[in-house]
N, C-alpha and C. Protein backbone atom coordinates (compact mmCIF):
# COMPACT_ATOMS: atom_id res chain seq x y z
N MET A 1 109.29 104.24 100.34
CA MET A 1 110.35 104.00 99.40
C MET A 1 111.69 104.38 100.03
N ARG A 2 112.72 103.75 99.57
CA ARG A 2 114.05 104.06 100.07
C ARG A 2 114.58 105.30 99.35
N ALA A 3 115.37 106.11 100.07
CA ALA A 3 115.92 107.33 99.50
C ALA A 3 117.15 107.03 98.65
N HIS A 4 117.79 105.89 98.85
CA HIS A 4 118.99 105.55 98.10
C HIS A 4 118.66 104.58 96.97
N PRO A 5 119.57 104.44 95.99
CA PRO A 5 119.29 103.53 94.89
C PRO A 5 119.07 102.10 95.39
N LEU A 6 118.29 101.37 94.65
CA LEU A 6 118.02 99.99 95.02
C LEU A 6 119.27 99.14 94.80
N PRO A 7 119.54 98.22 95.72
CA PRO A 7 120.69 97.34 95.52
C PRO A 7 120.40 96.34 94.40
N HIS A 8 121.45 95.83 93.83
CA HIS A 8 121.30 94.77 92.83
C HIS A 8 120.82 93.52 93.57
N LEU A 9 119.79 92.89 93.07
CA LEU A 9 119.20 91.74 93.73
C LEU A 9 119.84 90.46 93.20
N ILE A 10 120.90 90.03 93.83
CA ILE A 10 121.63 88.84 93.40
C ILE A 10 120.87 87.60 93.85
N GLY A 11 120.65 86.68 92.91
CA GLY A 11 120.02 85.42 93.23
C GLY A 11 118.53 85.50 93.50
N ARG A 12 117.89 86.58 93.10
CA ARG A 12 116.46 86.74 93.35
C ARG A 12 115.68 86.83 92.04
N ASP A 13 116.21 86.21 90.99
CA ASP A 13 115.59 86.30 89.67
C ASP A 13 114.16 85.76 89.66
N SER A 14 113.93 84.62 90.30
CA SER A 14 112.57 84.05 90.26
C SER A 14 111.58 84.93 91.02
N GLU A 15 112.01 85.48 92.15
CA GLU A 15 111.12 86.37 92.91
C GLU A 15 110.82 87.65 92.13
N ARG A 16 111.87 88.22 91.52
CA ARG A 16 111.66 89.43 90.71
C ARG A 16 110.75 89.14 89.54
N ALA A 17 110.92 88.01 88.89
CA ALA A 17 110.07 87.65 87.75
C ALA A 17 108.62 87.51 88.18
N ALA A 18 108.39 86.89 89.33
CA ALA A 18 107.02 86.73 89.82
C ALA A 18 106.38 88.09 90.10
N LEU A 19 107.15 89.00 90.68
CA LEU A 19 106.62 90.34 90.96
C LEU A 19 106.44 91.14 89.67
N ASP A 20 107.35 90.98 88.72
CA ASP A 20 107.19 91.65 87.43
C ASP A 20 105.95 91.13 86.70
N ASP A 21 105.63 89.85 86.88
CA ASP A 21 104.41 89.28 86.29
C ASP A 21 103.16 89.94 86.89
N VAL A 22 103.21 90.22 88.18
CA VAL A 22 102.09 90.91 88.83
C VAL A 22 101.89 92.27 88.17
N LEU A 23 102.97 93.02 87.99
CA LEU A 23 102.86 94.33 87.36
C LEU A 23 102.32 94.22 85.93
N ALA A 24 102.78 93.24 85.19
CA ALA A 24 102.29 93.05 83.82
C ALA A 24 100.80 92.75 83.82
N THR A 25 100.36 91.94 84.75
CA THR A 25 98.94 91.61 84.86
C THR A 25 98.13 92.86 85.19
N LEU A 26 98.63 93.67 86.11
CA LEU A 26 97.93 94.90 86.48
C LEU A 26 97.88 95.88 85.30
N ARG A 27 98.95 95.96 84.56
CA ARG A 27 98.96 96.87 83.40
C ARG A 27 97.96 96.44 82.32
N ARG A 28 97.64 95.15 82.29
CA ARG A 28 96.61 94.66 81.36
C ARG A 28 95.20 94.90 81.89
N GLY A 29 95.09 95.42 83.11
CA GLY A 29 93.77 95.73 83.67
C GLY A 29 93.17 94.64 84.52
N SER A 30 93.91 93.61 84.85
CA SER A 30 93.42 92.53 85.69
C SER A 30 93.99 92.66 87.10
N SER A 31 93.42 91.92 88.02
CA SER A 31 93.91 91.90 89.39
C SER A 31 94.97 90.82 89.55
N ALA A 32 95.85 91.01 90.52
CA ALA A 32 96.87 90.02 90.81
C ALA A 32 97.35 90.21 92.25
N VAL A 33 97.79 89.12 92.85
CA VAL A 33 98.28 89.15 94.22
C VAL A 33 99.48 88.22 94.33
N ARG A 34 100.45 88.60 95.11
CA ARG A 34 101.57 87.75 95.49
C ARG A 34 101.77 87.93 96.99
N VAL A 35 102.08 86.88 97.67
CA VAL A 35 102.38 86.93 99.10
C VAL A 35 103.86 86.66 99.27
N LEU A 36 104.53 87.56 99.99
CA LEU A 36 105.95 87.36 100.30
C LEU A 36 106.04 86.91 101.75
N ARG A 37 106.69 85.79 101.97
CA ARG A 37 106.87 85.27 103.32
C ARG A 37 108.34 85.01 103.55
N GLY A 38 108.73 85.19 104.77
CA GLY A 38 110.12 84.88 105.13
C GLY A 38 110.47 85.55 106.43
N GLY A 39 111.51 85.08 107.02
CA GLY A 39 111.97 85.61 108.29
C GLY A 39 112.53 87.02 108.14
N ALA A 40 112.81 87.61 109.28
CA ALA A 40 113.38 88.96 109.30
C ALA A 40 114.73 88.95 108.60
N GLY A 41 114.94 89.94 107.75
CA GLY A 41 116.24 90.12 107.11
C GLY A 41 116.50 89.32 105.85
N VAL A 42 115.49 88.63 105.32
CA VAL A 42 115.72 87.82 104.12
C VAL A 42 115.56 88.62 102.83
N GLY A 43 115.09 89.86 102.91
CA GLY A 43 115.02 90.70 101.72
C GLY A 43 113.63 90.98 101.19
N LYS A 44 112.60 90.74 101.98
CA LYS A 44 111.23 91.00 101.50
C LYS A 44 111.04 92.48 101.17
N SER A 45 111.51 93.35 102.02
CA SER A 45 111.34 94.79 101.78
C SER A 45 112.10 95.25 100.55
N VAL A 46 113.27 94.70 100.31
CA VAL A 46 114.04 95.07 99.12
C VAL A 46 113.29 94.63 97.86
N LEU A 47 112.68 93.44 97.90
CA LEU A 47 111.88 93.00 96.76
C LEU A 47 110.69 93.91 96.54
N LEU A 48 110.05 94.34 97.61
CA LEU A 48 108.92 95.26 97.47
C LEU A 48 109.39 96.62 96.94
N ASP A 49 110.54 97.07 97.39
CA ASP A 49 111.10 98.32 96.85
C ASP A 49 111.34 98.18 95.36
N HIS A 50 111.83 97.03 94.94
CA HIS A 50 112.08 96.77 93.51
C HIS A 50 110.79 96.90 92.71
N VAL A 51 109.75 96.21 93.16
CA VAL A 51 108.50 96.23 92.40
C VAL A 51 107.87 97.62 92.42
N ALA A 52 107.97 98.33 93.53
CA ALA A 52 107.44 99.69 93.59
C ALA A 52 108.17 100.61 92.61
N ALA A 53 109.48 100.42 92.50
CA ALA A 53 110.26 101.23 91.56
C ALA A 53 109.90 100.94 90.11
N GLN A 54 109.42 99.74 89.84
CA GLN A 54 109.03 99.34 88.48
C GLN A 54 107.60 99.74 88.15
N ALA A 55 106.86 100.24 89.12
CA ALA A 55 105.42 100.47 88.97
C ALA A 55 105.11 101.90 88.49
N SER A 56 105.87 102.40 87.54
CA SER A 56 105.63 103.75 87.05
C SER A 56 104.21 103.84 86.47
N GLY A 57 103.56 104.95 86.77
CA GLY A 57 102.20 105.17 86.29
C GLY A 57 101.14 104.47 87.12
N MET A 58 101.54 103.81 88.19
CA MET A 58 100.59 103.11 89.06
C MET A 58 100.62 103.75 90.45
N THR A 59 99.55 103.58 91.17
CA THR A 59 99.51 104.01 92.56
C THR A 59 99.99 102.86 93.43
N VAL A 60 100.97 103.12 94.27
CA VAL A 60 101.52 102.10 95.15
C VAL A 60 101.20 102.50 96.58
N THR A 61 100.65 101.57 97.32
CA THR A 61 100.39 101.80 98.74
C THR A 61 100.95 100.61 99.50
N ARG A 62 101.52 100.88 100.66
CA ARG A 62 102.15 99.82 101.44
C ARG A 62 101.73 99.91 102.89
N GLY A 63 101.67 98.77 103.53
CA GLY A 63 101.39 98.70 104.95
C GLY A 63 102.51 97.95 105.64
N LEU A 64 102.55 98.08 106.93
CA LEU A 64 103.57 97.44 107.72
C LEU A 64 102.89 96.57 108.77
N GLY A 65 103.17 95.30 108.75
CA GLY A 65 102.58 94.41 109.75
C GLY A 65 103.41 94.39 111.02
N VAL A 66 102.79 94.72 112.12
CA VAL A 66 103.48 94.66 113.41
C VAL A 66 102.64 93.82 114.36
N GLU A 67 103.31 93.10 115.22
CA GLU A 67 102.62 92.18 116.12
C GLU A 67 101.58 92.88 116.97
N ALA A 68 101.83 94.12 117.36
CA ALA A 68 100.88 94.85 118.22
C ALA A 68 99.54 95.05 117.53
N ASP A 69 99.51 95.05 116.21
CA ASP A 69 98.26 95.26 115.48
C ASP A 69 97.42 93.99 115.35
N MET A 70 97.94 92.86 115.79
CA MET A 70 97.21 91.60 115.61
C MET A 70 95.83 91.62 116.25
N GLU A 71 95.69 92.35 117.33
CA GLU A 71 94.41 92.39 118.04
C GLU A 71 93.46 93.45 117.47
N LEU A 72 93.93 94.24 116.53
CA LEU A 72 93.13 95.31 115.95
C LEU A 72 92.57 94.86 114.60
N ALA A 73 91.28 94.58 114.59
CA ALA A 73 90.66 94.16 113.34
C ALA A 73 90.84 95.24 112.28
N TYR A 74 91.21 94.86 111.10
CA TYR A 74 91.32 95.74 109.94
C TYR A 74 92.48 96.73 110.01
N ALA A 75 93.42 96.56 110.94
CA ALA A 75 94.55 97.50 111.04
C ALA A 75 95.36 97.53 109.75
N GLY A 76 95.67 96.36 109.20
CA GLY A 76 96.44 96.30 107.96
C GLY A 76 95.68 96.85 106.79
N LEU A 77 94.40 96.53 106.72
CA LEU A 77 93.56 97.05 105.64
C LEU A 77 93.48 98.56 105.69
N GLN A 78 93.37 99.10 106.89
CA GLN A 78 93.28 100.55 107.02
C GLN A 78 94.57 101.21 106.51
N GLN A 79 95.72 100.64 106.84
CA GLN A 79 96.98 101.21 106.34
C GLN A 79 96.99 101.28 104.82
N LEU A 80 96.51 100.23 104.18
CA LEU A 80 96.52 100.18 102.72
C LEU A 80 95.50 101.11 102.09
N CYS A 81 94.38 101.32 102.77
CA CYS A 81 93.28 102.08 102.18
C CYS A 81 93.30 103.57 102.47
N VAL A 82 94.10 104.02 103.42
CA VAL A 82 94.10 105.44 103.78
C VAL A 82 94.20 106.37 102.57
N PRO A 83 95.07 106.09 101.59
CA PRO A 83 95.15 107.02 100.46
C PRO A 83 93.86 107.09 99.62
N PHE A 84 92.97 106.13 99.80
CA PHE A 84 91.78 106.06 98.96
C PHE A 84 90.50 106.40 99.70
N LEU A 85 90.60 106.75 100.98
CA LEU A 85 89.39 106.97 101.77
C LEU A 85 88.57 108.15 101.28
N GLY A 86 89.16 109.06 100.56
CA GLY A 86 88.41 110.17 99.99
C GLY A 86 87.38 109.72 98.98
N ALA A 87 87.53 108.53 98.46
CA ALA A 87 86.60 108.00 97.46
C ALA A 87 85.57 107.05 98.07
N VAL A 88 85.54 106.93 99.39
CA VAL A 88 84.63 105.98 100.03
C VAL A 88 83.17 106.27 99.70
N ASP A 89 82.83 107.52 99.47
CA ASP A 89 81.44 107.87 99.16
C ASP A 89 80.98 107.32 97.81
N ARG A 90 81.90 106.91 96.97
CA ARG A 90 81.53 106.36 95.66
C ARG A 90 81.16 104.89 95.74
N LEU A 91 81.39 104.26 96.90
CA LEU A 91 81.05 102.85 97.07
C LEU A 91 79.55 102.68 97.31
N PRO A 92 79.02 101.50 97.00
CA PRO A 92 77.63 101.22 97.36
C PRO A 92 77.45 101.36 98.88
N ASP A 93 76.26 101.74 99.29
CA ASP A 93 76.00 102.02 100.71
C ASP A 93 76.48 100.93 101.66
N PRO A 94 76.19 99.65 101.43
CA PRO A 94 76.61 98.64 102.41
C PRO A 94 78.14 98.59 102.59
N GLN A 95 78.89 98.67 101.49
CA GLN A 95 80.34 98.62 101.58
C GLN A 95 80.89 99.92 102.18
N ARG A 96 80.34 101.04 101.79
CA ARG A 96 80.77 102.32 102.35
C ARG A 96 80.58 102.31 103.86
N ASP A 97 79.39 101.91 104.32
CA ASP A 97 79.11 101.92 105.75
C ASP A 97 80.00 100.93 106.50
N ALA A 98 80.24 99.75 105.90
CA ALA A 98 81.10 98.75 106.54
C ALA A 98 82.52 99.28 106.71
N LEU A 99 83.06 99.92 105.67
CA LEU A 99 84.42 100.47 105.78
C LEU A 99 84.49 101.58 106.81
N ARG A 100 83.50 102.42 106.85
CA ARG A 100 83.50 103.51 107.84
C ARG A 100 83.52 102.96 109.25
N VAL A 101 82.73 101.93 109.51
CA VAL A 101 82.73 101.34 110.85
C VAL A 101 84.06 100.63 111.11
N ALA A 102 84.54 99.87 110.14
CA ALA A 102 85.80 99.14 110.30
C ALA A 102 86.96 100.08 110.60
N PHE A 103 86.96 101.25 109.98
CA PHE A 103 88.06 102.19 110.15
C PHE A 103 87.82 103.22 111.25
N GLY A 104 86.68 103.09 111.94
CA GLY A 104 86.42 103.94 113.09
C GLY A 104 85.96 105.34 112.77
N THR A 105 85.51 105.59 111.54
CA THR A 105 85.01 106.93 111.21
C THR A 105 83.50 107.00 111.36
N ALA A 106 82.86 105.88 111.74
CA ALA A 106 81.43 105.83 112.02
C ALA A 106 81.21 104.77 113.09
N THR A 107 80.10 104.87 113.78
CA THR A 107 79.78 103.86 114.79
C THR A 107 78.79 102.86 114.23
N GLY A 108 78.76 101.70 114.82
CA GLY A 108 77.84 100.66 114.40
C GLY A 108 78.35 99.30 114.80
N GLU A 109 77.58 98.29 114.44
CA GLU A 109 77.98 96.92 114.71
C GLU A 109 79.22 96.59 113.86
N PRO A 110 80.08 95.73 114.39
CA PRO A 110 81.23 95.32 113.57
C PRO A 110 80.75 94.77 112.23
N PRO A 111 81.35 95.22 111.13
CA PRO A 111 80.88 94.80 109.81
C PRO A 111 81.28 93.37 109.48
N ALA A 112 80.51 92.78 108.60
CA ALA A 112 80.84 91.45 108.08
C ALA A 112 82.12 91.55 107.26
N ARG A 113 82.99 90.58 107.43
CA ARG A 113 84.26 90.57 106.68
C ARG A 113 84.04 90.71 105.19
N PHE A 114 83.03 90.05 104.68
CA PHE A 114 82.82 90.04 103.24
C PHE A 114 82.33 91.39 102.72
N LEU A 115 81.66 92.16 103.55
CA LEU A 115 81.28 93.51 103.12
C LEU A 115 82.51 94.40 103.05
N VAL A 116 83.41 94.24 103.98
CA VAL A 116 84.62 95.07 104.00
C VAL A 116 85.51 94.73 102.81
N GLY A 117 85.57 93.47 102.43
CA GLY A 117 86.45 93.05 101.35
C GLY A 117 85.79 92.93 100.00
N TRP A 118 84.51 93.24 99.91
CA TRP A 118 83.78 93.08 98.65
C TRP A 118 84.26 94.05 97.60
N ARG A 119 84.29 93.60 96.36
CA ARG A 119 84.71 94.44 95.24
C ARG A 119 83.73 94.22 94.10
N SER A 120 83.29 95.31 93.51
CA SER A 120 82.35 95.17 92.38
C SER A 120 83.09 94.97 91.08
């Protein structure tokens, strides 16, 4: 999060509305996803700061995509999941074991993508 107040987002009403819809969906107990794409400096981080500031009562986790991580399987997923790894033991055995191997806390064959991303 930024330490200073969020700037006024001029001309970003549709993007803010789409992100606010995600929060509303989450508050109703459903899942939702939005993908932000754009070149460097177009304001993606500011939009994410906006939605994080609106997410009172929710847990917010963020990752940073860097080109150097492209060759590291699950690097982005690991960034997002670190705050929740203490609960990995509550997962069913196949998913727990797959995440442990994917994140390097256990050894084994590379896990199937669908085991790592599976949700009950």
